């Protein structure tokens, strides 16, 4: 696998697992290996789609077992915080 592909996969994974330090590091690597802004945005968009699909699938599986959970769930710490939960 070439270096561009490796960085693209890793960048997508960083988005998928919500790792800001990894994303920051890999964004710099992406620029170093010659990925353009449009390519980086495509990687991020693809990662968001995969992550969203997985989240939706999990929600439906949970709803089937415990009943529907309120769709208006808010982050546990509220907005504008550095919560790690």
N, C-alpha and C. Protein backbone atom coordinates (compact mmCIF):
# COMPACT_ATOMS: atom_id res chain seq x y z
N UNK A 1 0.85 -1.17 0.00
CA UNK A 1 0.00 0.00 0.00
C UNK A 1 0.90 1.24 0.00
N UNK A 2 0.57 2.18 -0.85
CA UNK A 2 1.40 3.38 -0.92
C UNK A 2 1.12 4.32 0.26
N UNK A 3 1.99 5.29 0.46
CA UNK A 3 1.89 6.17 1.64
C UNK A 3 0.62 7.01 1.64
N UNK A 4 0.17 7.47 0.47
CA UNK A 4 -1.08 8.25 0.41
C UNK A 4 -2.25 7.41 0.90
N UNK A 5 -2.33 6.18 0.42
CA UNK A 5 -3.43 5.30 0.82
C UNK A 5 -3.37 5.00 2.30
N UNK A 6 -2.17 4.76 2.83
CA UNK A 6 -2.03 4.50 4.26
C UNK A 6 -2.54 5.67 5.09
N UNK A 7 -2.17 6.88 4.69
CA UNK A 7 -2.60 8.06 5.43
C UNK A 7 -4.10 8.26 5.30
N UNK A 8 -4.65 8.00 4.12
CA UNK A 8 -6.09 8.14 3.93
C UNK A 8 -6.86 7.18 4.83
N UNK A 9 -6.41 5.93 4.91
CA UNK A 9 -7.07 4.94 5.76
C UNK A 9 -6.96 5.36 7.22
N UNK A 10 -5.78 5.76 7.64
CA UNK A 10 -5.57 6.16 9.03
C UNK A 10 -6.38 7.41 9.38
N UNK A 11 -6.46 8.36 8.47
CA UNK A 11 -7.22 9.58 8.71
C UNK A 11 -8.70 9.24 8.86
N UNK A 12 -9.21 8.38 8.00
CA UNK A 12 -10.60 7.94 8.12
C UNK A 12 -10.85 7.23 9.44
N UNK A 13 -9.91 6.40 9.87
CA UNK A 13 -10.05 5.69 11.14
C UNK A 13 -10.04 6.68 12.31
N UNK A 14 -9.21 7.70 12.24
CA UNK A 14 -9.15 8.71 13.31
C UNK A 14 -10.50 9.41 13.45
N UNK A 15 -11.12 9.73 12.32
CA UNK A 15 -12.45 10.34 12.35
C UNK A 15 -13.44 9.34 12.95
N UNK A 16 -13.35 8.09 12.54
CA UNK A 16 -14.28 7.07 13.00
C UNK A 16 -14.25 6.84 14.50
N UNK A 17 -13.09 6.99 15.10
CA UNK A 17 -12.96 6.75 16.54
C UNK A 17 -12.91 8.05 17.35
N UNK A 18 -13.17 9.18 16.70
CA UNK A 18 -13.23 10.48 17.38
C UNK A 18 -11.92 10.89 18.03
N UNK A 19 -10.80 10.56 17.41
CA UNK A 19 -9.51 10.88 18.03
C UNK A 19 -8.96 12.18 17.43
N UNK A 20 -9.14 13.26 18.15
CA UNK A 20 -8.68 14.57 17.68
C UNK A 20 -7.16 14.62 17.56
N UNK A 21 -6.38 14.14 18.55
CA UNK A 21 -4.93 14.17 18.37
C UNK A 21 -4.47 13.37 17.15
N UNK A 22 -5.09 12.21 16.93
CA UNK A 22 -4.74 11.41 15.75
C UNK A 22 -5.10 12.16 14.47
N UNK A 23 -6.29 12.74 14.45
CA UNK A 23 -6.70 13.50 13.27
C UNK A 23 -5.72 14.63 12.98
N UNK A 24 -5.38 15.39 14.01
CA UNK A 24 -4.45 16.52 13.83
C UNK A 24 -3.12 16.04 13.26
N UNK A 25 -2.59 14.97 13.83
CA UNK A 25 -1.32 14.42 13.37
C UNK A 25 -1.44 13.93 11.91
N UNK A 26 -2.49 13.19 11.64
CA UNK A 26 -2.65 12.60 10.30
C UNK A 26 -3.03 13.64 9.25
N UNK A 27 -3.67 14.72 9.65
CA UNK A 27 -3.95 15.81 8.71
C UNK A 27 -2.63 16.40 8.22
N UNK A 28 -1.70 16.60 9.14
CA UNK A 28 -0.38 17.08 8.76
C UNK A 28 0.33 16.09 7.84
N UNK A 29 0.23 14.79 8.17
CA UNK A 29 0.83 13.75 7.32
C UNK A 29 0.20 13.75 5.93
N UNK A 30 -1.12 13.95 5.88
CA UNK A 30 -1.82 13.97 4.60
C UNK A 30 -1.25 15.07 3.70
N UNK A 31 -1.01 16.21 4.28
CA UNK A 31 -0.41 17.31 3.50
C UNK A 31 1.01 16.94 3.06
N UNK A 32 1.77 16.29 3.96
CA UNK A 32 3.14 15.91 3.64
C UNK A 32 3.22 14.93 2.47
N UNK A 33 2.26 14.00 2.39
CA UNK A 33 2.30 13.00 1.32
C UNK A 33 1.60 13.47 0.05
N UNK A 34 1.15 14.71 0.06
CA UNK A 34 0.60 15.30 -1.16
C UNK A 34 -0.89 15.18 -1.37
N UNK A 35 -1.63 14.84 -0.32
CA UNK A 35 -3.09 14.82 -0.47
C UNK A 35 -3.61 16.25 -0.53
N UNK A 36 -4.49 16.49 -1.46
CA UNK A 36 -5.08 17.82 -1.59
C UNK A 36 -6.28 17.98 -0.68
N UNK A 37 -6.75 19.21 -0.55
CA UNK A 37 -7.88 19.50 0.32
C UNK A 37 -9.13 18.71 -0.09
N UNK A 38 -9.38 18.60 -1.38
CA UNK A 38 -10.56 17.86 -1.85
C UNK A 38 -10.45 16.38 -1.49
N UNK A 39 -9.26 15.80 -1.62
CA UNK A 39 -9.08 14.39 -1.26
C UNK A 39 -9.28 14.18 0.24
N UNK A 40 -8.76 15.09 1.03
CA UNK A 40 -8.90 14.99 2.48
C UNK A 40 -10.38 15.11 2.87
N UNK A 41 -11.09 16.05 2.25
CA UNK A 41 -12.52 16.20 2.53
C UNK A 41 -13.28 14.93 2.14
N UNK A 42 -12.91 14.30 1.03
CA UNK A 42 -13.56 13.05 0.61
C UNK A 42 -13.34 11.94 1.63
N UNK A 43 -12.12 11.85 2.15
CA UNK A 43 -11.83 10.84 3.19
C UNK A 43 -12.70 11.10 4.42
N UNK A 44 -12.76 12.34 4.84
CA UNK A 44 -13.54 12.70 6.03
C UNK A 44 -15.02 12.41 5.80
N UNK A 45 -15.54 12.77 4.65
CA UNK A 45 -16.95 12.53 4.34
C UNK A 45 -17.26 11.04 4.34
N UNK A 46 -16.38 10.25 3.75
CA UNK A 46 -16.57 8.80 3.75
C UNK A 46 -16.56 8.24 5.16
N UNK A 47 -15.65 8.71 5.98
CA UNK A 47 -15.58 8.25 7.37
C UNK A 47 -16.86 8.63 8.12
N UNK A 48 -17.36 9.85 7.90
CA UNK A 48 -18.61 10.26 8.53
C UNK A 48 -19.76 9.35 8.12
N UNK A 49 -19.82 8.99 6.84
CA UNK A 49 -20.90 8.13 6.35
C UNK A 49 -20.84 6.76 7.01
N UNK A 50 -19.64 6.18 7.09
CA UNK A 50 -19.49 4.87 7.72
C UNK A 50 -19.87 4.96 9.19
N UNK A 51 -19.38 5.99 9.86
CA UNK A 51 -19.64 6.17 11.29
C UNK A 51 -21.14 6.37 11.54
N UNK A 52 -21.78 7.17 10.72
CA UNK A 52 -23.20 7.42 10.86
C UNK A 52 -24.01 6.15 10.63
N UNK A 53 -23.64 5.38 9.62
CA UNK A 53 -24.33 4.13 9.35
C UNK A 53 -24.20 3.16 10.51
N UNK A 54 -23.01 3.06 11.06
CA UNK A 54 -22.78 2.17 12.20
C UNK A 54 -23.59 2.63 13.41
N UNK A 55 -23.64 3.92 13.64
CA UNK A 55 -24.40 4.46 14.76
C UNK A 55 -25.89 4.19 14.59
N UNK A 56 -26.40 4.35 13.38
CA UNK A 56 -27.81 4.08 13.11
C UNK A 56 -28.13 2.61 13.32
N UNK A 57 -27.26 1.73 12.83
CA UNK A 57 -27.46 0.29 12.99
C UNK A 57 -27.47 -0.09 14.47
N UNK A 58 -26.55 0.46 15.25
CA UNK A 58 -26.50 0.21 16.68
C UNK A 58 -27.77 0.69 17.36
N UNK A 59 -28.22 1.88 17.02
CA UNK A 59 -29.43 2.43 17.63
C UNK A 59 -30.62 1.51 17.37
N UNK A 60 -30.77 1.04 16.13
CA UNK A 60 -31.89 0.15 15.81
C UNK A 60 -31.79 -1.17 16.58
N UNK A 61 -30.59 -1.70 16.71
CA UNK A 61 -30.40 -2.94 17.46
C UNK A 61 -30.77 -2.75 18.93
N UNK A 62 -30.37 -1.62 19.50
CA UNK A 62 -30.70 -1.32 20.90
C UNK A 62 -32.21 -1.13 21.05
N UNK A 63 -32.82 -0.38 20.14
CA UNK A 63 -34.26 -0.16 20.18
C UNK A 63 -35.03 -1.48 20.16
N UNK A 64 -34.55 -2.45 19.39
CA UNK A 64 -35.22 -3.74 19.32
C UNK A 64 -35.15 -4.48 20.66
N UNK A 65 -34.07 -4.28 21.39
CA UNK A 65 -33.89 -5.01 22.65
C UNK A 65 -34.51 -4.31 23.85
N UNK A 66 -34.41 -3.00 23.92
CA UNK A 66 -34.85 -2.29 25.13
C UNK A 66 -35.99 -1.31 24.87
N UNK A 67 -36.41 -1.19 23.64
CA UNK A 67 -37.43 -0.21 23.29
C UNK A 67 -36.79 1.05 22.78
N UNK A 68 -37.60 1.89 22.21
CA UNK A 68 -37.10 3.12 21.58
C UNK A 68 -36.52 4.05 22.63
N UNK A 69 -35.34 4.54 22.34
CA UNK A 69 -34.66 5.51 23.20
C UNK A 69 -34.91 6.90 22.60
N UNK A 70 -35.04 7.90 23.46
CA UNK A 70 -35.28 9.27 23.02
C UNK A 70 -34.26 9.69 21.98
N UNK A 71 -34.72 10.07 20.80
CA UNK A 71 -33.83 10.50 19.72
C UNK A 71 -33.22 11.87 19.97
N UNK A 72 -33.69 12.58 20.95
CA UNK A 72 -33.20 13.93 21.22
C UNK A 72 -32.08 13.93 22.25
N UNK A 73 -31.37 12.82 22.34
CA UNK A 73 -30.28 12.72 23.32
C UNK A 73 -29.24 13.82 23.08
N UNK A 74 -28.77 14.40 24.13
CA UNK A 74 -27.77 15.46 24.08
C UNK A 74 -26.43 14.92 24.57
N UNK A 75 -25.32 15.56 24.19
CA UNK A 75 -24.03 15.13 24.72
C UNK A 75 -24.06 15.17 26.25
N UNK A 76 -23.36 14.25 26.87
CA UNK A 76 -23.41 14.13 28.32
C UNK A 76 -22.88 15.37 29.04
N UNK A 77 -22.01 16.11 28.41
CA UNK A 77 -21.39 17.26 29.10
C UNK A 77 -21.93 18.60 28.59
N UNK A 78 -22.81 18.58 27.63
CA UNK A 78 -23.28 19.82 27.04
C UNK A 78 -22.31 20.32 25.99
N UNK A 79 -22.70 21.30 25.27
CA UNK A 79 -21.83 21.79 24.20
C UNK A 79 -20.76 22.73 24.75
N UNK A 80 -19.68 22.81 24.02
CA UNK A 80 -18.62 23.74 24.36
C UNK A 80 -17.69 23.27 25.47
N UNK A 81 -17.73 21.98 25.79
CA UNK A 81 -16.84 21.48 26.83
C UNK A 81 -15.83 20.52 26.22
N UNK A 82 -14.84 20.16 26.97
CA UNK A 82 -13.83 19.20 26.53
C UNK A 82 -14.09 17.82 27.13
N UNK A 83 -15.34 17.43 27.15
CA UNK A 83 -15.74 16.18 27.75
C UNK A 83 -15.13 15.00 27.01
N UNK A 84 -14.74 13.98 27.73
CA UNK A 84 -14.16 12.79 27.12
C UNK A 84 -15.04 11.57 27.34
N UNK A 85 -16.32 11.77 27.69
CA UNK A 85 -17.18 10.61 27.93
C UNK A 85 -17.89 10.16 26.70
